[in-house]
N, C-alpha and C. Protein backbone atom coordinates (compact mmCIF):
# COMPACT_ATOMS: atom_id res chain seq x y z
N MET A 1 85.99 72.27 112.11
CA MET A 1 86.27 73.35 111.18
C MET A 1 85.62 73.01 109.84
N SER A 2 84.80 73.89 109.34
CA SER A 2 84.10 73.60 108.08
C SER A 2 84.93 74.09 106.90
N ALA A 3 84.70 73.48 105.77
CA ALA A 3 85.42 73.85 104.55
C ALA A 3 84.88 75.18 104.02
N LYS A 4 85.73 75.89 103.29
CA LYS A 4 85.30 77.14 102.68
C LYS A 4 84.24 76.84 101.63
N PRO A 5 83.20 77.69 101.54
CA PRO A 5 82.19 77.44 100.51
C PRO A 5 82.80 77.60 99.12
N ALA A 6 82.35 76.76 98.22
CA ALA A 6 82.86 76.82 96.85
C ALA A 6 82.37 78.10 96.19
N PHE A 7 83.24 78.74 95.44
CA PHE A 7 82.87 79.97 94.75
C PHE A 7 82.13 79.61 93.47
N ASP A 8 80.93 80.11 93.32
CA ASP A 8 80.14 79.86 92.12
C ASP A 8 80.17 81.13 91.27
N ALA A 9 80.87 81.05 90.17
CA ALA A 9 81.06 82.22 89.32
C ALA A 9 80.07 82.27 88.17
N THR A 10 78.95 81.56 88.26
CA THR A 10 77.98 81.50 87.17
C THR A 10 77.49 82.87 86.76
N GLU A 11 77.05 83.65 87.74
CA GLU A 11 76.50 84.98 87.43
C GLU A 11 77.59 85.92 86.90
N LEU A 12 78.77 85.83 87.49
CA LEU A 12 79.87 86.67 87.02
C LEU A 12 80.28 86.29 85.61
N GLN A 13 80.34 84.98 85.31
CA GLN A 13 80.66 84.54 83.95
C GLN A 13 79.60 84.98 82.96
N ALA A 14 78.34 84.99 83.41
CA ALA A 14 77.27 85.46 82.52
C ALA A 14 77.45 86.94 82.20
N ALA A 15 77.91 87.70 83.20
CA ALA A 15 78.12 89.13 82.98
C ALA A 15 79.33 89.39 82.10
N ILE A 16 80.38 88.59 82.30
CA ILE A 16 81.62 88.80 81.54
C ILE A 16 81.60 88.04 80.23
N GLY A 17 81.05 86.84 80.24
CA GLY A 17 81.07 85.98 79.06
C GLY A 17 82.30 85.09 79.08
N THR A 18 82.44 84.25 78.12
CA THR A 18 83.60 83.38 78.04
C THR A 18 84.50 83.84 76.91
N GLY A 19 85.77 83.52 77.02
CA GLY A 19 86.71 83.96 75.99
C GLY A 19 86.84 85.47 76.04
N ARG A 20 86.57 86.10 74.95
CA ARG A 20 86.62 87.56 74.89
C ARG A 20 85.42 88.12 75.67
N PRO A 21 85.67 89.05 76.60
CA PRO A 21 84.57 89.58 77.41
C PRO A 21 83.43 90.14 76.57
N ALA A 22 82.21 89.70 76.89
CA ALA A 22 81.03 90.17 76.18
C ALA A 22 80.54 91.51 76.74
N VAL A 23 80.98 91.83 77.95
CA VAL A 23 80.55 93.08 78.57
C VAL A 23 81.53 94.18 78.21
N SER A 24 81.01 95.37 78.04
CA SER A 24 81.88 96.49 77.76
C SER A 24 82.43 97.01 79.09
N TYR A 25 83.56 97.66 79.01
CA TYR A 25 84.16 98.21 80.22
C TYR A 25 83.89 99.70 80.34
N ASP A 26 82.79 100.13 79.73
CA ASP A 26 82.38 101.50 79.92
C ASP A 26 81.73 101.61 81.30
N ARG A 27 81.22 102.74 81.64
CA ARG A 27 80.65 102.97 82.97
C ARG A 27 79.53 101.98 83.29
N ALA A 28 78.59 101.80 82.38
CA ALA A 28 77.48 100.89 82.61
C ALA A 28 77.97 99.44 82.76
N GLY A 29 78.95 99.05 81.96
CA GLY A 29 79.49 97.70 82.05
C GLY A 29 80.17 97.45 83.38
N ARG A 30 80.90 98.45 83.89
CA ARG A 30 81.56 98.30 85.19
C ARG A 30 80.52 98.22 86.31
N ILE A 31 79.43 98.96 86.19
CA ILE A 31 78.37 98.89 87.20
C ILE A 31 77.72 97.50 87.18
N ARG A 32 77.54 96.93 85.98
CA ARG A 32 77.01 95.56 85.89
C ARG A 32 77.95 94.57 86.57
N LEU A 33 79.26 94.74 86.39
CA LEU A 33 80.23 93.86 87.03
C LEU A 33 80.19 94.00 88.55
N ILE A 34 80.07 95.23 89.04
CA ILE A 34 79.96 95.45 90.49
C ILE A 34 78.70 94.78 91.03
N THR A 35 77.59 94.91 90.30
CA THR A 35 76.33 94.29 90.72
C THR A 35 76.47 92.77 90.76
N ALA A 36 77.07 92.18 89.73
CA ALA A 36 77.26 90.73 89.70
C ALA A 36 78.16 90.27 90.84
N ALA A 37 79.23 91.02 91.11
CA ALA A 37 80.13 90.67 92.21
C ALA A 37 79.41 90.78 93.55
N ALA A 38 78.61 91.83 93.74
CA ALA A 38 77.87 92.00 94.99
C ALA A 38 76.89 90.86 95.20
N ASN A 39 76.18 90.46 94.15
CA ASN A 39 75.24 89.35 94.27
C ASN A 39 75.95 88.05 94.61
N GLN A 40 77.13 87.82 94.02
CA GLN A 40 77.91 86.62 94.34
C GLN A 40 78.38 86.64 95.79
N LEU A 41 78.80 87.80 96.26
CA LEU A 41 79.24 87.91 97.65
C LEU A 41 78.08 87.63 98.60
N ILE A 42 76.92 88.18 98.31
CA ILE A 42 75.75 87.94 99.15
C ILE A 42 75.37 86.46 99.13
N ALA A 43 75.43 85.85 97.96
CA ALA A 43 75.08 84.43 97.81
C ALA A 43 76.07 83.51 98.52
N SER A 44 77.28 84.00 98.79
CA SER A 44 78.28 83.17 99.46
C SER A 44 77.87 82.82 100.88
N LYS A 45 76.98 83.59 101.46
CA LYS A 45 76.45 83.38 102.81
C LYS A 45 77.53 83.37 103.88
N THR A 46 78.64 84.05 103.61
CA THR A 46 79.66 84.25 104.63
C THR A 46 79.44 85.63 105.24
N ILE A 47 79.94 85.84 106.43
CA ILE A 47 79.78 87.14 107.08
C ILE A 47 80.44 88.23 106.25
N ALA A 48 81.69 87.99 105.84
CA ALA A 48 82.42 89.00 105.06
C ALA A 48 81.75 89.24 103.71
N GLY A 49 81.34 88.17 103.04
CA GLY A 49 80.69 88.30 101.74
C GLY A 49 79.38 89.07 101.83
N THR A 50 78.59 88.75 102.84
CA THR A 50 77.31 89.42 103.02
C THR A 50 77.53 90.90 103.35
N PHE A 51 78.49 91.18 104.23
CA PHE A 51 78.79 92.57 104.62
C PHE A 51 79.17 93.41 103.40
N VAL A 52 80.14 92.94 102.64
CA VAL A 52 80.61 93.71 101.48
C VAL A 52 79.56 93.75 100.37
N GLY A 53 78.91 92.62 100.11
CA GLY A 53 77.89 92.58 99.07
C GLY A 53 76.72 93.50 99.37
N GLN A 54 76.25 93.48 100.61
CA GLN A 54 75.13 94.36 100.99
C GLN A 54 75.55 95.83 100.95
N ALA A 55 76.80 96.13 101.35
CA ALA A 55 77.27 97.52 101.28
C ALA A 55 77.31 97.99 99.83
N LEU A 56 77.79 97.13 98.93
CA LEU A 56 77.82 97.49 97.51
C LEU A 56 76.42 97.72 96.97
N MET A 57 75.49 96.83 97.30
CA MET A 57 74.12 96.98 96.80
C MET A 57 73.45 98.22 97.39
N ALA A 58 73.70 98.53 98.66
CA ALA A 58 73.13 99.73 99.27
C ALA A 58 73.69 100.98 98.59
N TRP A 59 74.98 100.94 98.30
CA TRP A 59 75.62 102.07 97.61
C TRP A 59 75.04 102.25 96.22
N LEU A 60 74.88 101.15 95.47
CA LEU A 60 74.33 101.23 94.12
C LEU A 60 72.87 101.68 94.14
N SER A 61 72.13 101.27 95.15
CA SER A 61 70.70 101.55 95.23
C SER A 61 70.38 102.91 95.84
N SER A 62 71.38 103.57 96.41
CA SER A 62 71.16 104.82 97.12
C SER A 62 70.65 105.91 96.17
N GLU A 63 69.68 106.66 96.65
CA GLU A 63 69.14 107.79 95.89
C GLU A 63 70.07 108.99 95.98
N ASP A 64 70.83 109.06 97.06
CA ASP A 64 71.72 110.19 97.30
C ASP A 64 73.10 109.88 96.74
N ASN A 65 73.92 110.91 96.65
CA ASN A 65 75.30 110.76 96.23
C ASN A 65 76.11 110.35 97.47
N THR A 66 76.12 109.06 97.78
CA THR A 66 76.77 108.58 98.99
C THR A 66 78.17 108.07 98.69
N ASP A 67 78.96 107.96 99.72
CA ASP A 67 80.33 107.48 99.62
C ASP A 67 80.38 106.04 100.12
N LEU A 68 80.90 105.13 99.32
CA LEU A 68 80.94 103.71 99.68
C LEU A 68 81.71 103.49 100.98
N ALA A 69 82.91 104.02 101.09
CA ALA A 69 83.75 103.79 102.28
C ALA A 69 83.17 104.45 103.52
N ARG A 70 82.71 105.68 103.39
CA ARG A 70 82.22 106.42 104.54
C ARG A 70 80.81 106.01 104.96
N ASP A 71 79.89 105.93 104.01
CA ASP A 71 78.48 105.76 104.35
C ASP A 71 78.03 104.30 104.43
N HIS A 72 78.64 103.42 103.68
CA HIS A 72 78.13 102.04 103.63
C HIS A 72 79.07 101.04 104.29
N LEU A 73 80.35 101.14 104.04
CA LEU A 73 81.30 100.25 104.72
C LEU A 73 81.70 100.81 106.08
N GLN A 74 81.54 102.10 106.27
CA GLN A 74 81.85 102.81 107.51
C GLN A 74 83.27 102.52 108.00
N VAL A 75 84.23 102.69 107.09
CA VAL A 75 85.63 102.46 107.42
C VAL A 75 86.44 103.75 107.49
N THR A 76 85.82 104.87 107.22
CA THR A 76 86.52 106.15 107.36
C THR A 76 85.92 106.90 108.54
N LEU A 77 86.75 107.64 109.22
CA LEU A 77 86.31 108.42 110.38
C LEU A 77 86.53 109.90 110.12
N PRO A 78 85.61 110.74 110.59
CA PRO A 78 85.81 112.18 110.42
C PRO A 78 87.07 112.63 111.17
N LYS A 79 87.83 113.49 110.55
CA LYS A 79 89.03 114.09 111.13
C LYS A 79 90.13 113.08 111.46
N SER A 80 90.05 111.89 110.91
CA SER A 80 91.08 110.88 111.16
C SER A 80 92.20 111.05 110.14
N HIS A 81 93.42 110.95 110.61
CA HIS A 81 94.58 111.05 109.71
C HIS A 81 95.07 109.66 109.31
N VAL A 82 94.46 108.63 109.86
CA VAL A 82 94.83 107.26 109.50
C VAL A 82 93.92 106.83 108.36
N THR A 83 94.49 106.73 107.17
CA THR A 83 93.69 106.33 106.01
C THR A 83 93.36 104.84 106.09
N VAL A 84 92.37 104.44 105.34
CA VAL A 84 92.00 103.03 105.27
C VAL A 84 93.19 102.21 104.77
N GLN A 85 93.90 102.72 103.79
CA GLN A 85 95.04 102.00 103.22
C GLN A 85 96.15 101.84 104.25
N ARG A 86 96.40 102.87 105.04
CA ARG A 86 97.45 102.76 106.07
C ARG A 86 97.04 101.78 107.15
N LEU A 87 95.79 101.83 107.58
CA LEU A 87 95.31 100.89 108.59
C LEU A 87 95.38 99.46 108.06
N TYR A 88 95.06 99.26 106.80
CA TYR A 88 95.16 97.93 106.18
C TYR A 88 96.60 97.42 106.24
N ARG A 89 97.55 98.28 105.88
CA ARG A 89 98.96 97.86 105.92
C ARG A 89 99.37 97.49 107.34
N ILE A 90 98.92 98.23 108.33
CA ILE A 90 99.23 97.93 109.74
C ILE A 90 98.63 96.58 110.13
N LEU A 91 97.37 96.35 109.75
CA LEU A 91 96.72 95.09 110.10
C LEU A 91 97.39 93.90 109.43
N ILE A 92 97.77 94.05 108.17
CA ILE A 92 98.45 92.97 107.46
C ILE A 92 99.79 92.68 108.12
N GLU A 93 100.53 93.72 108.48
CA GLU A 93 101.82 93.51 109.13
C GLU A 93 101.64 92.82 110.48
N ASP A 94 100.60 93.20 111.23
CA ASP A 94 100.32 92.56 112.52
C ASP A 94 100.00 91.08 112.35
N GLU A 95 99.28 90.74 111.27
CA GLU A 95 98.93 89.34 111.02
C GLU A 95 100.16 88.51 110.72
N ARG A 96 101.20 89.12 110.20
CA ARG A 96 102.43 88.40 109.87
C ARG A 96 103.29 88.13 111.10
N GLN A 97 103.00 88.82 112.20
CA GLN A 97 103.78 88.63 113.43
C GLN A 97 103.24 87.43 114.19
N PRO A 98 104.06 86.39 114.41
CA PRO A 98 103.56 85.18 115.07
C PRO A 98 103.08 85.41 116.50
N GLU A 99 103.65 86.37 117.23
CA GLU A 99 103.22 86.59 118.61
C GLU A 99 101.82 87.18 118.69
N ASN A 100 101.31 87.73 117.60
CA ASN A 100 99.97 88.31 117.59
C ASN A 100 98.91 87.32 117.12
N ALA A 101 99.31 86.11 116.79
CA ALA A 101 98.39 85.14 116.21
C ALA A 101 97.26 84.77 117.17
N ALA A 102 97.50 84.81 118.48
CA ALA A 102 96.48 84.39 119.44
C ALA A 102 95.57 85.53 119.87
N LEU A 103 95.83 86.75 119.42
CA LEU A 103 94.98 87.88 119.81
C LEU A 103 93.59 87.74 119.20
N PRO A 104 92.53 88.04 119.95
CA PRO A 104 91.18 87.93 119.40
C PRO A 104 90.87 88.97 118.34
N CYS A 105 91.54 90.10 118.35
CA CYS A 105 91.35 91.12 117.33
C CYS A 105 92.66 91.87 117.16
N PRO A 106 92.84 92.52 116.01
CA PRO A 106 94.09 93.25 115.78
C PRO A 106 94.27 94.37 116.79
N PRO A 107 95.52 94.64 117.21
CA PRO A 107 95.75 95.74 118.15
C PRO A 107 95.48 97.09 117.48
N THR A 108 95.18 98.07 118.29
CA THR A 108 94.95 99.42 117.79
C THR A 108 96.27 99.98 117.29
N PRO A 109 96.29 100.54 116.07
CA PRO A 109 97.56 101.06 115.55
C PRO A 109 98.04 102.25 116.35
N SER A 110 99.35 102.35 116.54
CA SER A 110 99.91 103.50 117.22
C SER A 110 100.08 104.63 116.21
N LYS A 111 100.18 105.81 116.70
CA LYS A 111 100.32 106.98 115.83
C LYS A 111 101.75 107.02 115.26
N ALA A 112 101.83 107.37 114.00
CA ALA A 112 103.12 107.51 113.36
C ALA A 112 103.74 108.85 113.74
N LYS A 113 105.04 108.98 113.49
CA LYS A 113 105.72 110.24 113.79
C LYS A 113 105.04 111.38 113.04
N GLY A 114 104.85 112.48 113.74
CA GLY A 114 104.26 113.66 113.12
C GLY A 114 102.73 113.63 113.09
N GLU A 115 102.11 112.53 113.49
CA GLU A 115 100.66 112.43 113.47
C GLU A 115 100.10 112.88 114.81
N ARG A 116 99.00 113.55 114.80
CA ARG A 116 98.38 114.05 116.04
C ARG A 116 97.22 113.22 116.44
């Protein structure tokens, strides 16, 4: 089992600064922060970091008005009543159940009452 890669916050610190933040939190400043975070995720060379970092960069670089969740992360489904947030809560709850610890992937969520 290998150790987790150390997080290098150099680029993020450069964007934020030390002490009082040097970056503004206006729209352009927030986009700079997203860019710095995406680059750090990509540099982490982990599967999750690369996936999220590349999705963020593709979203930022897109010429069209694209949706991050739908078009780049591909976590929303057409006509689905199960929101990303609800599915996340189900997955987190499943991870807390010790009998599910040996499953290779999370079980498919069952439909809630009133859901079709």
